[in-house]
Amino acid sequence: MQPLCDLRGLWLLLLSWFLLLFEVARAGRPVFSCPAACLCASNILSCSKQQLPNVPHSLPRYTALLDLSHNNLSRLRAEWTPTHLPYLHSLLLSHNHLNFISSEAFSPVPKLRYLDLSSNQLRMLDESLFSGLQSLEVLLLYNNHIMAVDRSAFEDVAQLQKLYLSQNQISRFPLELVRLPKLTLLDLSSNKLKSLPLSDLQKLPAWVKNGLYLHNNPLECTCELYQLFAHWQHRQLSPVVDFQEDLHCVSAKKLHSVFNLNCSEYKERAWEAHLGDTLTIHCDTKQQEMTKVWVTPSNERVPDAANSTVRVFEDGSLHFQQVQVEDEGVYTCYAMGEAFNETLSVELKVYNFTQHGHHDTLNTAYTTLVGCILSVVLVLIYLYLTPCRCWCRGVEKPSSHQGDSLSSSMLSTTPNHDPMAGGDKDDGFDRRVAFLEPAGPGQGQNGKLKPGNTLPVPEATGKGQRRMSDPESVSSVFSDTPIVV
């Protein structure tokens, strides 16, 4: 009977151990103990300063923080840990000799939020190196030998907030990094940047520029660079306020302070608009998610009502539906946040006329062009399509002395006196011009005689008798052959 009881007790002991192991496995706790080279405290594993050439195997699955700094690690391969670490949120690998990181090295740690790779020997950030870390918030890469950053190295890292790349050898400004949606700090100080995309940096919101550190770089001295940092100084942004003495530039192989350049003094520009324009002015604060209130030049609060011509949007920007002359003035934005409050003043200048659009400019250009073409055509018609010559006209009209006298009186440009009178006067003062027109079938156009015909001489009826002319002498204004008599 005794052996039966001992056997039953053994079965109960084995069953209890099995149930215990099952509960531990279901709770995510491994059955193995802390690695020999590490110090474990709950879900924290500290394996630093152990001269480790490789990452210890059999890491506990529940590990949340893993410290592998100050060791001799040189390569971080895809299989650096055979254990999947779904709870790991902080990984410290600083002060090693890392010169290679596989693009799949971070697959076992998808929930990583803090990664320290500083003080290593990395030379390049390859394509899609950190793309798998969609929860990453802080990345430390300072004090390496990084010379180039691939444009896709940080794709899909939408949660990244702080990136430290100082004390490297980067020569190209990674503009794609400042476009990360939640990035509030980008440290590019102490690199080899010689130029900056100034126009793109000027368009960045203040909360991004407030965390963009560019000191101790061999930047080229230009007045545009001075205007950029002078604007940051005017806004009291941290990169200029905290490191003003370290903002240098290079000219003629000499180092100069950016704020000692011989450039025109910086002046804050006013917003400009024309009558009827639609305008949106942002309250460009140094902190995100602040409560913003706008006050008009007459010290009245701008309403949030949608039916108002001037109102405040949900993001805190000031919107003008149709700008009017009375909207001109200085508007003030009061921003309130958890860390600090901020007050911004914006001047609006309104021009008392509407701005021509693109289509109006085109219409004016086409109208001018058509007018020029028509003017040229009319000039050509006037020059080449002259009145028909005599041989293309029909039967001549009979002469009319009454009409002749009338036409001559209207078109004559000489004094009305007899050429034979006053013979004792100087000949040079008695000359006049007359346009002879055909008086009959014997004359041609413009007073020219036809062959075989003679010019009829009118009878003198007294002193001052006028010469008779053709009733059609009105055409003589086109004559280009004056006759001096």
Protein backbone atom coordinates (compact mmCIF):
# COMPACT_ATOMS: atom_id res chain seq x y z
CA MET A 1 0.00 0.00 0.00
CA GLN A 2 2.95 2.26 0.74
CA PRO A 3 4.41 2.06 -2.78
CA LEU A 4 1.05 3.08 -4.24
CA CYS A 5 0.95 6.21 -2.08
CA ASP A 6 4.52 7.15 -3.05
CA LEU A 7 3.66 6.78 -6.75
CA ARG A 8 0.57 8.93 -6.36
CA GLY A 9 2.59 11.65 -4.60
CA LEU A 10 5.16 11.61 -7.38
CA TRP A 11 2.47 12.09 -10.01
CA LEU A 12 0.99 15.00 -8.09
CA LEU A 13 4.43 16.65 -7.84
CA LEU A 14 5.06 16.30 -11.58
CA LEU A 15 1.60 17.65 -12.36
CA SER A 16 2.14 20.70 -10.17
CA TRP A 17 5.50 21.43 -11.87
CA PHE A 18 3.87 21.09 -15.28
CA LEU A 19 1.10 23.50 -14.36
CA LEU A 20 3.64 25.99 -13.01
CA LEU A 21 5.69 25.90 -16.20
CA PHE A 22 2.56 26.29 -18.29
CA GLU A 23 1.48 29.40 -16.37
CA VAL A 24 4.92 30.95 -16.68
CA ALA A 25 5.02 30.31 -20.42
CA ARG A 26 1.54 31.73 -20.89
CA ALA A 27 2.48 34.89 -19.00
CA GLY A 28 5.44 35.41 -21.33
CA ARG A 29 8.08 34.51 -18.78
CA PRO A 30 10.96 32.31 -19.93
CA VAL A 31 12.09 29.31 -17.97
CA PHE A 32 15.78 30.30 -18.25
CA SER A 33 17.52 32.61 -15.82
CA CYS A 34 19.39 35.90 -16.31
CA PRO A 35 22.48 35.66 -18.60
CA ALA A 36 25.71 35.23 -16.74
CA ALA A 37 27.32 38.42 -18.06
CA CYS A 38 24.34 40.61 -17.24
CA LEU A 39 22.68 42.11 -14.22
CA CYS A 40 18.92 41.64 -14.22
CA ALA A 41 16.41 43.65 -12.26
CA SER A 42 12.86 42.75 -13.14
CA ASN A 43 12.55 43.47 -16.91
CA ILE A 44 15.82 45.47 -17.08
CA LEU A 45 19.01 43.78 -18.31
CA SER A 46 22.32 45.58 -17.85
CA CYS A 47 25.19 43.96 -19.76
CA SER A 48 27.45 47.01 -20.07
CA LYS A 49 31.25 47.13 -19.56
CA GLN A 50 31.71 43.40 -19.95
CA GLN A 51 34.00 43.45 -23.00
CA LEU A 52 31.43 41.35 -24.85
CA PRO A 53 32.26 40.58 -28.51
CA ASN A 54 28.70 39.35 -29.14
CA VAL A 55 25.25 39.82 -27.72
CA PRO A 56 24.44 37.21 -25.04
CA HIS A 57 22.11 34.45 -26.17
CA SER A 58 18.90 33.38 -24.49
CA LEU A 59 17.72 36.87 -23.57
CA PRO A 60 14.52 36.83 -21.51
CA ARG A 61 11.48 37.46 -23.68
CA TYR A 62 10.03 39.94 -21.19
CA THR A 63 13.06 42.26 -21.43
CA ALA A 64 11.99 45.92 -21.69
CA LEU A 65 15.38 47.68 -21.42
CA LEU A 66 18.64 46.16 -22.67
CA ASP A 67 21.95 47.91 -21.98
CA LEU A 68 24.85 46.64 -24.12
CA SER A 69 26.97 49.82 -24.02
CA HIS A 70 30.75 49.92 -23.49
CA ASN A 71 31.51 46.54 -25.05
CA ASN A 72 33.39 45.26 -28.09
CA LEU A 73 30.48 44.69 -30.47
CA SER A 74 31.50 45.35 -34.10
CA ARG A 75 28.56 44.05 -36.16
CA LEU A 76 24.85 43.89 -35.53
CA ARG A 77 23.51 41.15 -37.76
CA ALA A 78 19.92 40.12 -38.41
CA GLU A 79 20.26 37.13 -36.05
CA TRP A 80 21.92 39.00 -33.18
CA THR A 81 19.24 37.61 -30.88
CA PRO A 82 17.38 34.35 -31.55
CA THR A 83 14.65 35.45 -29.16
CA HIS A 84 11.85 37.71 -30.30
CA LEU A 85 11.66 40.68 -27.92
CA PRO A 86 8.17 42.18 -28.31
CA TYR A 87 8.38 44.20 -25.05
CA LEU A 88 11.77 45.81 -25.60
CA HIS A 89 11.38 49.61 -25.79
CA SER A 90 14.96 50.78 -25.07
CA LEU A 91 18.19 49.46 -26.59
CA LEU A 92 21.57 50.95 -25.61
CA LEU A 93 24.52 50.14 -27.90
CA SER A 94 26.73 53.21 -27.37
CA HIS A 95 30.53 53.08 -26.96
CA ASN A 96 31.10 49.94 -28.99
CA HIS A 97 32.93 49.40 -32.27
CA LEU A 98 29.91 48.99 -34.50
CA ASN A 99 30.71 49.54 -38.19
CA PHE A 100 27.90 47.48 -39.72
CA ILE A 101 24.19 47.17 -39.02
CA SER A 102 21.99 44.86 -41.05
CA SER A 103 18.80 46.28 -42.55
CA GLU A 104 16.94 43.46 -40.74
CA ALA A 105 18.70 43.90 -37.42
CA PHE A 106 15.70 45.55 -35.81
CA SER A 107 13.09 43.02 -36.90
CA PRO A 108 13.08 41.22 -33.49
CA VAL A 109 12.34 44.53 -31.69
CA PRO A 110 9.33 46.11 -33.45
CA LYS A 111 8.21 48.12 -30.39
CA LEU A 112 11.53 49.90 -29.87
CA ARG A 113 11.12 53.57 -28.86
CA TYR A 114 14.62 54.54 -27.71
CA LEU A 115 17.78 53.54 -29.61
CA ASP A 116 21.30 54.68 -28.68
CA LEU A 117 23.98 54.06 -31.32
CA SER A 118 26.26 56.93 -30.35
CA SER A 119 30.07 56.75 -30.13
CA ASN A 120 30.56 53.96 -32.64
CA GLN A 121 32.25 53.67 -36.04
CA LEU A 122 29.29 53.86 -38.40
CA ARG A 123 30.12 55.49 -41.75
CA MET A 124 26.81 55.42 -43.62
CA LEU A 125 23.12 55.08 -42.93
CA ASP A 126 21.94 52.70 -45.62
CA GLU A 127 18.63 52.47 -47.40
CA SER A 128 15.61 51.65 -45.21
CA LEU A 129 17.88 51.02 -42.23
CA PHE A 130 15.36 52.20 -39.62
CA SER A 131 12.17 51.73 -41.63
CA GLY A 132 10.97 48.84 -39.50
CA LEU A 133 10.98 50.92 -36.33
CA GLN A 134 7.58 52.52 -36.65
CA SER A 135 7.39 53.26 -32.91
CA LEU A 136 10.85 54.82 -32.62
CA GLU A 137 10.82 58.22 -30.87
CA VAL A 138 14.46 58.96 -29.95
CA LEU A 139 17.56 58.01 -31.96
CA LEU A 140 21.12 58.87 -30.91
CA LEU A 141 23.78 58.70 -33.65
CA TYR A 142 26.24 61.38 -32.55
CA ASN A 143 30.02 60.86 -32.41
CA ASN A 144 30.26 58.42 -35.31
CA HIS A 145 31.95 58.70 -38.73
CA ILE A 146 28.76 59.09 -40.76
CA MET A 147 29.45 60.75 -44.12
CA ALA A 148 26.16 60.14 -45.94
CA VAL A 149 22.53 59.60 -45.02
CA ASP A 150 20.44 57.71 -47.55
CA ARG A 151 17.22 59.56 -48.43
CA SER A 152 15.14 56.49 -47.57
CA ALA A 153 16.95 55.53 -44.36
CA PHE A 154 14.14 56.97 -42.23
CA GLU A 155 11.11 56.03 -44.29
CA ASP A 156 8.01 55.12 -42.29
CA VAL A 157 9.59 56.37 -39.04
CA ALA A 158 6.56 58.56 -38.45
CA GLN A 159 6.87 58.70 -34.64
CA LEU A 160 10.46 59.95 -34.51
CA GLN A 161 10.71 63.08 -32.37
CA LYS A 162 14.43 63.55 -31.60
CA LEU A 163 17.39 62.72 -33.84
CA TYR A 164 20.98 63.44 -32.81
CA LEU A 165 23.51 63.45 -35.68
CA SER A 166 26.15 65.82 -34.32
CA GLN A 167 29.92 65.19 -34.44
CA ASN A 168 29.89 63.32 -37.72
CA GLN A 169 31.14 64.10 -41.24
CA ILE A 170 27.85 64.87 -43.01
CA SER A 171 28.28 67.30 -45.92
CA ARG A 172 24.73 67.27 -47.37
CA PHE A 173 21.86 68.74 -45.43
CA PRO A 174 19.27 65.90 -45.11
CA LEU A 175 16.20 67.95 -45.97
CA GLU A 176 14.00 64.86 -45.91
CA LEU A 177 14.50 64.60 -42.14
CA VAL A 178 12.91 67.97 -41.29
CA ARG A 179 9.77 66.79 -43.08
CA LEU A 180 9.14 63.98 -40.62
CA PRO A 181 5.72 64.78 -39.13
CA LYS A 182 6.65 64.70 -35.43
CA LEU A 183 10.33 65.62 -35.44
CA THR A 184 10.96 68.42 -32.91
CA LEU A 185 14.76 68.14 -32.57
CA LEU A 186 17.41 67.59 -35.24
CA ASP A 187 21.00 68.10 -34.14
CA LEU A 188 23.37 68.53 -37.11
CA SER A 189 26.02 70.52 -35.27
CA SER A 190 29.75 69.86 -35.66
CA ASN A 191 29.54 68.35 -39.13
CA LYS A 192 30.92 69.44 -42.51
CA LEU A 193 27.94 71.34 -43.91
CA LYS A 194 29.05 74.13 -46.27
CA SER A 195 25.65 75.22 -47.58
CA LEU A 196 22.04 75.10 -46.46
CA PRO A 197 18.73 75.04 -48.38
CA LEU A 198 17.91 78.52 -47.07
CA SER A 199 14.60 78.98 -48.88
CA ASP A 200 13.32 75.64 -47.57
CA LEU A 201 14.47 76.34 -44.03
CA GLN A 202 12.72 79.71 -44.02
CA LYS A 203 9.41 78.00 -44.77
CA LEU A 204 9.65 75.60 -41.82
CA PRO A 205 7.32 76.22 -38.87
CA ALA A 206 8.87 77.76 -35.77
CA TRP A 207 8.45 74.59 -33.69
CA VAL A 208 10.75 72.77 -36.14
CA LYS A 209 13.31 75.58 -36.39
CA ASN A 210 13.37 75.82 -32.61
CA GLY A 211 15.01 72.38 -32.50
CA LEU A 212 17.29 72.61 -35.56
CA TYR A 213 20.91 72.93 -34.36
CA LEU A 214 23.48 73.94 -37.00
CA HIS A 215 26.37 75.46 -35.04
CA ASN A 216 30.04 74.53 -35.58
CA ASN A 217 29.70 73.89 -39.31
CA PRO A 218 31.94 75.45 -42.03
CA LEU A 219 29.06 77.32 -43.66
CA GLU A 220 29.75 79.77 -46.48
CA CYS A 221 29.36 83.41 -45.42
CA THR A 222 26.44 85.06 -47.23
CA CYS A 223 23.93 87.75 -46.33
CA GLU A 224 21.14 85.24 -46.89
CA LEU A 225 22.65 83.09 -44.13
CA TYR A 226 22.78 86.14 -41.87
CA GLN A 227 19.12 86.96 -42.60
CA LEU A 228 18.13 83.40 -41.68
CA PHE A 229 19.87 83.39 -38.29
CA ALA A 230 18.90 87.03 -37.60
CA HIS A 231 15.25 86.02 -38.00
CA TRP A 232 15.82 83.11 -35.59
CA GLN A 233 17.43 85.51 -33.15
CA HIS A 234 14.46 87.87 -33.46
CA ARG A 235 12.14 84.96 -32.62
CA GLN A 236 14.41 83.87 -29.74
CA LEU A 237 14.79 80.35 -31.10
CA SER A 238 16.94 77.98 -29.02
CA PRO A 239 19.59 77.10 -31.68
CA VAL A 240 20.62 80.78 -31.86
CA VAL A 241 19.98 81.88 -28.28
CA ASP A 242 21.87 78.92 -26.76
CA PHE A 243 24.72 78.66 -29.30
CA GLN A 244 25.13 82.16 -30.72
CA GLU A 245 28.89 82.17 -30.10
CA ASP A 246 29.29 78.92 -32.05
CA LEU A 247 27.47 80.09 -35.19
CA HIS A 248 30.38 80.64 -37.56
CA CYS A 249 30.88 80.84 -41.31
CA VAL A 250 33.90 80.70 -43.61
CA SER A 251 35.01 83.45 -46.01
CA ALA A 252 38.43 83.59 -47.69
CA LYS A 253 39.49 80.62 -45.56
CA LYS A 254 38.85 82.61 -42.40
CA LEU A 255 36.29 81.96 -39.70
CA HIS A 256 33.76 84.73 -39.00
CA SER A 257 30.82 85.09 -36.70
CA VAL A 258 27.56 85.07 -38.64
CA PHE A 259 26.30 88.11 -36.75
CA ASN A 260 29.41 90.18 -37.61
CA LEU A 261 28.87 90.05 -41.38
CA ASN A 262 28.55 93.34 -43.24
CA CYS A 263 24.91 92.85 -44.24
CA SER A 264 21.82 95.01 -44.03
CA GLU A 265 19.98 94.89 -40.75
CA TYR A 266 17.19 92.37 -40.49
CA LYS A 267 13.64 93.74 -40.46
CA GLU A 268 10.51 91.70 -39.91
CA ARG A 269 8.44 91.81 -43.07
CA ALA A 270 4.74 92.63 -43.06
CA TRP A 271 2.10 90.51 -44.76
CA GLU A 272 0.89 92.13 -47.99
CA ALA A 273 -2.50 91.72 -49.65
CA HIS A 274 -4.74 93.37 -52.26
CA LEU A 275 -8.41 94.18 -52.16
CA GLY A 276 -10.57 91.07 -52.33
CA ASP A 277 -7.70 88.63 -51.68
CA THR A 278 -8.16 85.50 -49.57
CA LEU A 279 -5.43 85.36 -46.93
CA THR A 280 -4.45 82.98 -44.10
CA ILE A 281 -1.91 84.04 -41.45
CA HIS A 282 -0.49 81.33 -39.18
CA CYS A 283 0.31 81.84 -35.52
CA ASP A 284 3.84 80.46 -35.87
CA THR A 285 4.56 79.35 -32.31
CA LYS A 286 7.64 77.54 -30.98
CA GLN A 287 5.53 74.78 -29.49
CA GLN A 288 2.86 72.54 -30.95
CA GLU A 289 -0.71 72.12 -29.73
CA MET A 290 -1.07 75.53 -28.10
CA THR A 291 -4.34 77.36 -27.51
CA LYS A 292 -4.35 80.48 -29.71
CA VAL A 293 -6.40 83.69 -29.55
CA TRP A 294 -6.19 86.52 -32.13
CA VAL A 295 -6.81 90.21 -31.38
CA THR A 296 -7.52 92.82 -34.09
CA PRO A 297 -5.76 96.22 -34.42
CA SER A 298 -8.75 97.75 -32.60
CA ASN A 299 -8.08 95.40 -29.65
CA GLU A 300 -11.09 93.18 -30.33
CA ARG A 301 -11.02 89.40 -30.24
CA VAL A 302 -11.40 87.72 -33.63
CA PRO A 303 -14.46 85.43 -33.57
CA ASP A 304 -14.47 81.76 -34.53
CA ALA A 305 -17.80 82.06 -36.38
CA ALA A 306 -17.78 80.58 -39.87
CA ASN A 307 -20.01 83.34 -41.29
CA SER A 308 -17.53 86.10 -40.42
CA THR A 309 -15.22 87.59 -43.07
CA VAL A 310 -12.33 87.39 -40.56
CA ARG A 311 -12.20 84.34 -38.31
CA VAL A 312 -9.88 81.86 -36.60
CA PHE A 313 -9.50 78.30 -37.88
CA GLU A 314 -9.26 75.25 -35.62
CA ASP A 315 -5.46 75.13 -36.00
CA GLY A 316 -5.22 78.71 -34.70
CA SER A 317 -4.56 80.44 -38.02
CA LEU A 318 -6.21 83.78 -38.90
CA HIS A 319 -8.29 83.69 -42.09
CA PHE A 320 -9.52 86.61 -44.21
CA GLN A 321 -12.29 85.73 -46.66
CA GLN A 322 -11.99 89.00 -48.64
CA VAL A 323 -9.36 91.49 -47.57
CA GLN A 324 -10.60 95.08 -47.19
CA VAL A 325 -8.73 98.34 -46.61
CA GLU A 326 -10.01 98.56 -43.04
CA ASP A 327 -8.36 95.18 -42.27
CA GLU A 328 -4.92 96.80 -42.35
CA GLY A 329 -3.00 96.95 -39.09
CA VAL A 330 -1.15 94.89 -36.48
CA TYR A 331 -2.78 91.65 -35.31
CA THR A 332 -1.67 89.91 -32.10
CA CYS A 333 -1.73 86.16 -31.42
CA TYR A 334 -1.75 85.02 -27.79
CA ALA A 335 -0.64 81.36 -27.51
CA MET A 336 -0.92 79.35 -24.29
CA GLY A 337 0.79 75.98 -23.77
CA GLU A 338 1.80 73.58 -21.02
CA ALA A 339 5.46 74.65 -20.93
CA PHE A 340 5.19 78.39 -21.66
CA ASN A 341 3.05 81.12 -23.19
CA GLU A 342 3.93 83.12 -26.30
CA THR A 343 2.80 86.39 -27.90
CA LEU A 344 3.23 87.11 -31.61
CA SER A 345 2.48 90.30 -33.55
CA VAL A 346 1.83 90.31 -37.30
CA GLU A 347 1.44 93.42 -39.46
CA LEU A 348 -0.94 93.34 -42.42
CA LYS A 349 -0.56 95.86 -45.26
CA VAL A 350 -3.45 96.20 -47.73
CA TYR A 351 -3.09 97.77 -51.19
CA ASN A 352 -6.14 99.75 -52.28
CA PHE A 353 -6.51 98.01 -55.65
CA THR A 354 -7.15 94.53 -56.95
CA GLN A 355 -4.35 92.40 -58.27
CA HIS A 356 -4.63 91.34 -61.92
CA GLY A 357 -4.79 87.66 -62.39
CA HIS A 358 -2.97 85.50 -64.86
CA HIS A 359 -5.81 85.52 -67.40
CA ASP A 360 -6.10 89.32 -67.32
CA THR A 361 -2.43 89.60 -68.17
CA LEU A 362 -2.84 87.25 -71.10
CA ASN A 363 -5.88 89.15 -72.37
CA THR A 364 -4.00 92.45 -72.25
CA ALA A 365 -1.06 90.94 -74.13
CA TYR A 366 -3.27 89.48 -76.85
CA THR A 367 -5.19 92.75 -77.21
CA THR A 368 -1.94 94.69 -77.65
CA LEU A 369 -0.66 92.19 -80.21
CA VAL A 370 -3.88 92.32 -82.26
CA GLY A 371 -3.85 96.11 -82.16
CA CYS A 372 -0.27 96.20 -83.46
CA ILE A 373 -1.09 93.80 -86.31
CA LEU A 374 -4.14 95.84 -87.36
CA SER A 375 -2.08 99.04 -87.33
CA VAL A 376 0.52 97.48 -89.62
CA VAL A 377 -2.18 96.21 -92.00
CA LEU A 378 -3.81 99.67 -92.22
CA VAL A 379 -0.45 101.31 -92.95
CA LEU A 380 0.22 98.80 -95.74
CA ILE A 381 -3.22 99.41 -97.22
CA TYR A 382 -2.63 103.17 -97.19
CA LEU A 383 0.81 102.81 -98.85
CA TYR A 384 0.05 100.28 -101.55
CA LEU A 385 -3.69 100.52 -102.31
CA THR A 386 -3.70 104.14 -103.66
CA PRO A 387 -6.64 105.60 -105.75
CA CYS A 388 -7.03 104.22 -109.28
CA ARG A 389 -5.07 105.90 -112.11
CA CYS A 390 -6.76 107.71 -114.93
CA TRP A 391 -6.55 104.82 -117.37
CA CYS A 392 -8.70 102.64 -115.10
CA ARG A 393 -11.45 105.27 -114.73
CA GLY A 394 -14.49 105.49 -116.91
CA VAL A 395 -15.80 108.47 -118.89
CA GLU A 396 -14.67 111.79 -117.48
CA LYS A 397 -17.29 114.06 -115.96
CA PRO A 398 -17.92 117.36 -117.75
CA SER A 399 -16.16 120.32 -116.31
CA SER A 400 -18.02 122.77 -114.16
CA HIS A 401 -16.60 126.25 -113.77
CA GLN A 402 -18.65 126.83 -110.68
CA GLY A 403 -17.34 123.68 -109.01
CA ASP A 404 -13.86 124.50 -110.34
CA SER A 405 -13.85 127.84 -108.65
CA LEU A 406 -15.17 126.37 -105.45
CA SER A 407 -12.56 123.58 -105.38
CA SER A 408 -9.77 125.98 -106.17
CA SER A 409 -10.84 128.27 -103.40
CA MET A 410 -10.90 125.43 -100.93
CA LEU A 411 -7.55 123.89 -101.83
CA SER A 412 -5.46 126.91 -102.82
CA THR A 413 -2.59 127.69 -100.45
CA THR A 414 -1.38 130.89 -102.16
CA PRO A 415 -2.49 134.51 -101.95
CA ASN A 416 -5.34 135.40 -104.29
CA HIS A 417 -3.73 137.94 -106.65
CA ASP A 418 -2.64 138.21 -110.25
CA PRO A 419 0.87 136.99 -110.98
CA MET A 420 1.40 139.89 -113.42
CA ALA A 421 0.56 142.56 -110.87
CA GLY A 422 3.23 144.23 -108.82
CA GLY A 423 6.06 143.61 -111.30
CA ASP A 424 8.34 146.02 -109.49
CA LYS A 425 8.59 143.65 -106.51
CA ASP A 426 11.26 141.07 -106.02
CA ASP A 427 10.55 137.84 -107.87
CA GLY A 428 11.46 135.74 -104.89
CA PHE A 429 8.59 137.14 -102.87
CA ASP A 430 5.96 136.65 -105.56
CA ARG A 431 6.13 132.87 -105.92
CA ARG A 432 3.25 130.57 -105.11
CA VAL A 433 2.33 126.92 -105.57
CA ALA A 434 -0.66 125.70 -107.51
CA PHE A 435 -1.87 122.15 -108.12
CA LEU A 436 -3.14 121.82 -111.67
CA GLU A 437 -5.91 119.36 -112.19
CA PRO A 438 -7.28 118.05 -115.48
CA ALA A 439 -9.96 120.42 -116.85
CA GLY A 440 -10.93 118.23 -119.70
CA PRO A 441 -10.07 115.22 -121.72
CA GLY A 442 -6.81 116.78 -122.77
CA GLN A 443 -5.19 116.47 -119.36
CA GLY A 444 -4.15 113.50 -117.28
CA GLN A 445 -4.22 112.95 -113.57
CA ASN A 446 -2.46 115.47 -111.30
CA GLY A 447 -2.53 118.15 -113.95
CA LYS A 448 -0.13 116.46 -116.39
CA LEU A 449 -0.79 117.07 -120.09
CA LYS A 450 -1.51 114.21 -122.34
CA PRO A 451 0.51 113.99 -125.51
CA GLY A 452 -0.94 116.12 -128.29
CA ASN A 453 -3.00 118.34 -126.00
CA THR A 454 -2.50 121.90 -124.83
CA LEU A 455 -3.42 123.54 -121.62
CA PRO A 456 -6.31 126.04 -122.08
CA VAL A 457 -5.60 129.54 -120.85
CA PRO A 458 -8.52 131.20 -119.03
CA GLU A 459 -9.45 134.79 -119.89
CA ALA A 460 -8.44 137.43 -117.44
CA THR A 461 -11.52 139.18 -116.08
CA GLY A 462 -9.58 141.55 -113.93
CA LYS A 463 -6.99 141.89 -111.26
CA GLY A 464 -6.99 138.99 -108.85
CA GLN A 465 -8.67 136.60 -111.31
CA ARG A 466 -8.21 133.00 -110.09
CA ARG A 467 -7.18 130.14 -112.29
CA MET A 468 -9.91 127.73 -113.15
CA SER A 469 -9.53 124.10 -112.12
CA ASP A 470 -11.24 120.79 -112.55
CA PRO A 471 -14.28 120.10 -110.37
CA GLU A 472 -12.44 116.98 -109.26
CA SER A 473 -9.48 118.94 -108.01
CA VAL A 474 -10.14 117.57 -104.55
CA SER A 475 -7.89 114.71 -105.67
CA SER A 476 -5.06 117.14 -105.97
CA VAL A 477 -4.31 116.74 -102.27
CA PHE A 478 -2.73 113.44 -103.26
CA SER A 479 -0.43 115.09 -105.79
CA ASP A 480 3.24 114.83 -105.00
CA THR A 481 4.43 117.09 -107.91
CA PRO A 482 3.88 120.76 -107.04
CA ILE A 483 4.41 123.35 -109.80
CA VAL A 484 6.15 126.59 -108.91
CA VAL A 485 4.81 129.60 -110.87
